[in-house]
């Protein structure tokens, strides 16, 4: 029985937690919200999103332990950053400056460079309407996707309109028809 207990203790000491190996090198830091204090000229009234970190492979185990032990401090510092943030930080489609600042904060709190990349997911931007209410737009719906290469677009082109109105003939674009 003692041998089993020692074996079990050895296994958990020297092998990673199975939950961590399923997660890969990413760790979630939680959900956050930006509220714009401005009232005039507001493009983004509020933003909601989740923050995750991708850990450096060489520091993964140490980083997980540090992240868990300092999670509340990290959350507090990110919230303070968001209170100082400007709407321009959320107008950038890749959120580069915001991600850089979050990474700097986390590495500073942990006392080591352990973060490879900051990942922001589930971003929802709340934009004001003319009547003062907010309209929510998930960030992945701000622009329509272009059609895949080689496929015909469903949007009519000028040439299609000319054909429909009888101003053009199919098969040639200008001049006399081919012989």
Protein backbone atom coordinates (compact mmCIF):
# COMPACT_ATOMS: atom_id res chain seq x y z
CA UNK A 1 0.00 0.00 0.00
CA UNK A 2 2.86 2.36 0.80
CA UNK A 3 4.46 1.51 -2.55
CA UNK A 4 1.25 2.48 -4.34
CA UNK A 5 1.08 5.80 -2.49
CA UNK A 6 4.73 6.57 -3.33
CA UNK A 7 4.19 5.63 -6.97
CA UNK A 8 1.10 7.81 -7.19
CA UNK A 9 2.94 10.73 -5.56
CA UNK A 10 5.91 10.30 -7.93
CA UNK A 11 3.60 10.24 -10.95
CA UNK A 12 1.82 13.49 -10.01
CA UNK A 13 5.10 15.21 -9.14
CA UNK A 14 6.91 14.51 -12.40
CA UNK A 15 4.11 14.28 -14.99
CA UNK A 16 1.96 17.20 -16.09
CA UNK A 17 -1.65 17.50 -15.16
CA UNK A 18 -3.68 15.70 -17.89
CA UNK A 19 -6.05 18.70 -18.06
CA UNK A 20 -3.11 20.91 -19.07
CA UNK A 21 -2.00 18.62 -21.86
CA UNK A 22 -5.51 18.74 -23.34
CA UNK A 23 -5.48 22.54 -23.34
CA UNK A 24 -2.33 22.90 -25.38
CA UNK A 25 -0.32 25.99 -24.58
CA UNK A 26 -3.29 28.32 -24.16
CA UNK A 27 -4.85 29.51 -20.93
CA UNK A 28 -8.01 31.58 -20.49
CA UNK A 29 -7.87 34.72 -18.34
CA UNK A 30 -11.60 35.43 -18.38
CA UNK A 31 -14.17 37.83 -19.79
CA UNK A 32 -13.65 41.58 -19.82
CA UNK A 33 -15.59 44.69 -20.77
CA UNK A 34 -14.63 48.17 -21.98
CA UNK A 35 -17.07 51.03 -21.34
CA UNK A 36 -16.47 54.28 -23.19
CA UNK A 37 -16.79 57.24 -20.79
CA UNK A 38 -17.22 59.70 -23.68
CA UNK A 39 -20.65 60.77 -24.89
CA UNK A 40 -19.82 62.95 -27.93
CA UNK A 41 -18.32 61.49 -31.09
CA UNK A 42 -18.59 57.95 -29.79
CA UNK A 43 -17.99 55.19 -32.35
CA UNK A 44 -17.76 52.36 -29.82
CA UNK A 45 -19.92 52.62 -26.72
CA UNK A 46 -18.89 49.30 -25.15
CA UNK A 47 -16.84 46.21 -25.97
CA UNK A 48 -17.08 42.72 -24.48
CA UNK A 49 -14.46 40.05 -25.07
CA UNK A 50 -12.52 37.09 -23.66
CA UNK A 51 -8.76 37.18 -23.11
CA UNK A 52 -6.53 34.12 -23.48
CA UNK A 53 -2.77 33.72 -23.49
CA UNK A 54 -0.56 31.45 -25.53
CA UNK A 55 2.36 30.36 -23.36
CA UNK A 56 5.96 29.99 -24.43
CA UNK A 57 6.64 26.28 -24.79
CA UNK A 58 9.82 26.41 -22.72
CA UNK A 59 8.03 28.14 -19.81
CA UNK A 60 4.62 26.45 -20.01
CA UNK A 61 4.52 24.65 -16.66
CA UNK A 62 6.05 27.56 -14.74
CA UNK A 63 3.72 30.00 -16.49
CA UNK A 64 0.60 27.98 -15.59
CA UNK A 65 1.58 27.93 -11.93
CA UNK A 66 2.35 31.66 -11.93
CA UNK A 67 -0.87 32.51 -13.79
CA UNK A 68 -2.97 30.56 -11.29
CA UNK A 69 -1.22 32.05 -8.26
CA UNK A 70 -1.50 35.66 -9.51
CA UNK A 71 -4.82 35.45 -11.39
CA UNK A 72 -6.59 38.14 -9.34
CA UNK A 73 -3.71 40.61 -9.69
CA UNK A 74 -3.66 40.03 -13.46
CA UNK A 75 -7.43 40.52 -13.67
CA UNK A 76 -7.21 43.75 -11.65
CA UNK A 77 -4.43 45.16 -13.84
CA UNK A 78 -6.28 44.32 -17.07
CA UNK A 79 -9.41 46.02 -15.71
CA UNK A 80 -7.35 49.11 -14.82
CA UNK A 81 -5.92 49.10 -18.35
CA UNK A 82 -9.45 48.98 -19.79
CA UNK A 83 -10.52 51.95 -17.65
CA UNK A 84 -7.66 53.95 -19.24
CA UNK A 85 -8.33 52.61 -22.76
CA UNK A 86 -9.66 54.75 -25.57
CA UNK A 87 -12.18 53.79 -28.25
CA UNK A 88 -9.32 53.95 -30.80
CA UNK A 89 -7.84 50.87 -29.10
CA UNK A 90 -10.92 48.94 -30.26
CA UNK A 91 -11.10 50.49 -33.74
CA UNK A 92 -7.88 48.67 -34.69
CA UNK A 93 -9.06 45.41 -36.35
CA UNK A 94 -6.22 43.35 -34.86
CA UNK A 95 -6.19 45.16 -31.48
CA UNK A 96 -2.38 45.25 -31.63
CA UNK A 97 -1.75 47.99 -29.04
CA UNK A 98 -4.25 46.56 -26.56
CA UNK A 99 -2.70 43.08 -26.89
CA UNK A 100 0.81 44.51 -26.46
CA UNK A 101 -0.20 46.30 -23.26
CA UNK A 102 -1.92 43.21 -21.82
CA UNK A 103 1.16 41.10 -22.58
CA UNK A 104 3.43 43.69 -20.94
CA UNK A 105 1.23 43.75 -17.82
CA UNK A 106 1.17 39.96 -17.46
CA UNK A 107 4.90 39.50 -18.02
CA UNK A 108 5.53 42.29 -15.49
CA UNK A 109 3.31 40.70 -12.84
CA UNK A 110 4.81 37.23 -13.39
CA UNK A 111 8.36 38.61 -13.38
CA UNK A 112 9.36 36.71 -16.51
CA UNK A 113 8.59 36.61 -20.23
CA UNK A 114 6.25 33.62 -20.38
CA UNK A 115 3.57 34.84 -22.80
CA UNK A 116 3.99 34.15 -26.50
CA UNK A 117 0.78 35.83 -27.66
CA UNK A 118 -2.40 37.44 -26.37
CA UNK A 119 -5.59 36.10 -27.93
CA UNK A 120 -8.84 38.09 -27.86
CA UNK A 121 -11.96 36.13 -28.75
CA UNK A 122 -15.71 36.63 -28.79
CA UNK A 123 -15.32 40.39 -29.30
CA UNK A 124 -18.66 42.17 -29.41
CA UNK A 125 -18.63 45.90 -30.15
CA UNK A 126 -21.62 47.93 -29.03
CA UNK A 127 -22.02 50.97 -31.29
CA UNK A 128 -24.43 53.81 -30.52
CA UNK A 129 -27.45 54.37 -32.74
CA UNK A 130 -28.90 57.78 -33.52
CA UNK A 131 -31.59 57.39 -30.85
CA UNK A 132 -28.93 56.85 -28.15
CA UNK A 133 -29.38 53.09 -27.77
CA UNK A 134 -26.58 50.67 -28.58
CA UNK A 135 -26.37 48.19 -31.42
CA UNK A 136 -24.24 45.08 -30.86
CA UNK A 137 -21.95 43.86 -33.60
CA UNK A 138 -19.81 40.75 -33.19
CA UNK A 139 -16.39 41.65 -34.58
CA UNK A 140 -16.53 38.89 -37.17
CA UNK A 141 -19.65 40.41 -38.73
CA UNK A 142 -18.29 43.90 -39.45
CA UNK A 143 -17.51 43.17 -43.11
CA UNK A 144 -18.94 40.58 -45.49
CA UNK A 145 -16.66 37.77 -46.54
CA UNK A 146 -15.42 37.94 -50.14
CA UNK A 147 -16.46 34.99 -52.32
CA UNK A 148 -13.91 32.16 -52.54
CA UNK A 149 -11.53 32.36 -55.49
CA UNK A 150 -12.99 30.93 -58.66
CA UNK A 151 -16.62 31.39 -57.64
CA UNK A 152 -18.99 33.90 -59.18
CA UNK A 153 -20.12 36.66 -56.85
CA UNK A 154 -23.82 36.92 -56.08
CA UNK A 155 -23.62 40.72 -56.35
CA UNK A 156 -24.47 42.13 -59.80
CA UNK A 157 -21.66 43.86 -61.67
CA UNK A 158 -21.94 46.79 -64.08
CA UNK A 159 -21.68 44.44 -67.07
CA UNK A 160 -24.56 42.34 -65.73
CA UNK A 161 -26.69 45.47 -65.40
CA UNK A 162 -25.83 46.51 -68.96
CA UNK A 163 -26.88 43.08 -70.24
CA UNK A 164 -30.16 43.25 -68.40
CA UNK A 165 -30.94 46.70 -69.78
CA UNK A 166 -30.12 45.70 -73.36
CA UNK A 167 -27.08 48.01 -73.59
CA UNK A 168 -24.67 45.12 -74.11
CA UNK A 169 -24.65 41.78 -75.86
CA UNK A 170 -23.28 38.65 -74.25
CA UNK A 171 -20.03 37.25 -75.65
CA UNK A 172 -18.09 40.45 -76.36
CA UNK A 173 -17.35 43.57 -74.43
CA UNK A 174 -17.03 46.34 -77.03
CA UNK A 175 -16.93 47.00 -80.76
CA UNK A 176 -18.34 44.73 -83.43
CA UNK A 177 -19.23 41.12 -82.71
CA UNK A 178 -16.61 38.54 -83.73
CA UNK A 179 -16.94 37.00 -87.23
